[in-house]
Protein backbone atom coordinates (compact mmCIF):
# COMPACT_ATOMS: atom_id res chain seq x y z
CA MET A 1 67.76 -6.41 -5.28
CA GLU A 2 67.98 -8.92 -7.98
CA PHE A 3 65.77 -11.40 -5.95
CA LEU A 4 62.64 -8.87 -6.16
CA LEU A 5 62.76 -9.48 -9.96
CA GLN A 6 63.16 -13.19 -9.48
CA LEU A 7 60.20 -12.99 -7.02
CA GLU A 8 58.13 -11.31 -9.74
CA GLN A 9 58.62 -13.93 -12.09
CA ILE A 10 57.57 -16.56 -9.49
CA LEU A 11 54.45 -14.59 -8.84
CA LYS A 12 53.54 -14.21 -12.36
CA LYS A 13 53.79 -17.80 -12.64
CA ARG A 14 51.56 -18.59 -9.62
CA LYS A 15 49.06 -16.34 -11.31
CA GLU A 16 49.33 -18.07 -14.48
CA GLU A 17 49.31 -21.82 -13.16
CA LEU A 18 47.28 -21.18 -10.12
CA PRO A 19 48.76 -24.26 -8.22
CA GLU A 20 46.34 -25.89 -5.62
CA LYS A 21 48.25 -25.46 -2.65
CA SER A 22 49.74 -22.19 -3.01
CA TYR A 23 49.03 -19.16 -0.80
CA THR A 24 49.68 -16.61 -3.55
CA ALA A 25 47.60 -18.55 -5.97
CA ASP A 26 44.88 -18.44 -3.51
CA LEU A 27 45.27 -14.42 -3.44
CA PHE A 28 45.07 -14.33 -7.36
CA ARG A 29 41.94 -16.62 -7.31
CA SER A 30 40.34 -14.38 -4.56
CA GLY A 31 40.80 -11.23 -6.65
CA VAL A 32 42.02 -7.68 -6.22
CA ASP A 33 39.66 -6.92 -3.14
CA ARG A 34 41.43 -9.65 -0.88
CA ILE A 35 45.00 -8.45 -2.57
CA LEU A 36 44.09 -4.79 -1.44
CA LYS A 37 43.11 -5.97 2.00
CA LYS A 38 46.38 -7.81 2.46
CA VAL A 39 48.32 -4.71 1.18
CA GLY A 40 46.54 -2.45 3.92
CA GLU A 41 46.96 -5.02 6.63
CA GLU A 42 50.77 -5.37 6.07
CA ALA A 43 50.93 -1.44 5.75
CA GLY A 44 49.31 -0.88 9.06
CA GLU A 45 51.70 -3.67 10.47
CA VAL A 46 54.69 -1.87 9.20
CA ILE A 47 53.55 1.35 10.94
CA ILE A 48 53.18 -0.46 14.35
CA ALA A 49 56.34 -2.18 13.95
CA ALA A 50 58.28 1.31 13.17
CA LYS A 51 56.37 2.83 16.22
CA ASN A 52 57.76 0.08 18.25
CA ALA A 53 61.33 0.70 17.14
CA ASP A 54 61.96 -3.01 16.83
CA LYS A 55 64.25 -3.78 13.72
CA LYS A 56 63.69 -7.20 13.38
CA GLU A 57 59.83 -6.70 13.51
CA LEU A 58 60.06 -3.72 11.08
CA THR A 59 62.18 -5.83 8.83
CA HIS A 60 59.68 -8.92 8.87
CA GLU A 61 56.68 -6.64 8.29
CA SER A 62 58.39 -4.79 5.63
CA ALA A 63 59.15 -8.04 3.71
CA ASP A 64 55.38 -8.93 4.03
CA LEU A 65 54.37 -5.54 2.65
CA LEU A 66 56.72 -5.69 -0.11
CA PHE A 67 55.58 -9.15 -1.11
CA HIS A 68 51.94 -8.24 -1.00
CA LEU A 69 52.64 -4.95 -3.01
CA GLN A 70 54.25 -7.21 -5.63
CA VAL A 71 51.18 -9.46 -5.81
CA LEU A 72 49.19 -6.34 -6.49
CA LEU A 73 51.49 -5.03 -9.23
CA VAL A 74 51.44 -8.65 -10.90
CA GLU A 75 47.55 -8.75 -10.47
CA ARG A 76 47.27 -5.23 -12.26
CA GLY A 77 50.02 -5.91 -14.97
CA LEU A 78 52.70 -3.82 -13.54
CA SER A 79 56.32 -4.70 -12.76
CA LEU A 80 58.66 -3.23 -10.15
CA THR A 81 60.63 -1.97 -13.04
CA ASP A 82 57.72 0.33 -13.81
CA VAL A 83 57.94 1.59 -10.37
CA VAL A 84 61.59 2.07 -10.51
CA GLU A 85 61.48 3.79 -13.74
CA GLU A 86 58.74 6.39 -12.13
CA LEU A 87 61.10 6.92 -9.11
CA ARG A 88 63.91 7.62 -11.61
CA LYS A 89 61.89 10.28 -13.55
CA ARG A 90 61.04 11.90 -10.20
CA HIS A 91 64.41 11.94 -9.15
CA SER A 92 66.47 12.82 -12.32
């Protein structure tokens, strides 16, 4: 799980530096509407993969969804830590 926090730092750096040849930087440059569209697309692909009962496909699509969700959180100034804290509050 530590990698998700490392990935968050990479995403923050991409948002700050906006390197020319970076898919992630392109997402940030395009704005929240494009990021939201990607989150929605990936969520739909997770649903389809789950219906197909293909664990490899579900793993791949879930990774895509988590990545794009993290991009959205960074765009909105939130962290996975914020999400984890919310879950802790709900289940304490």
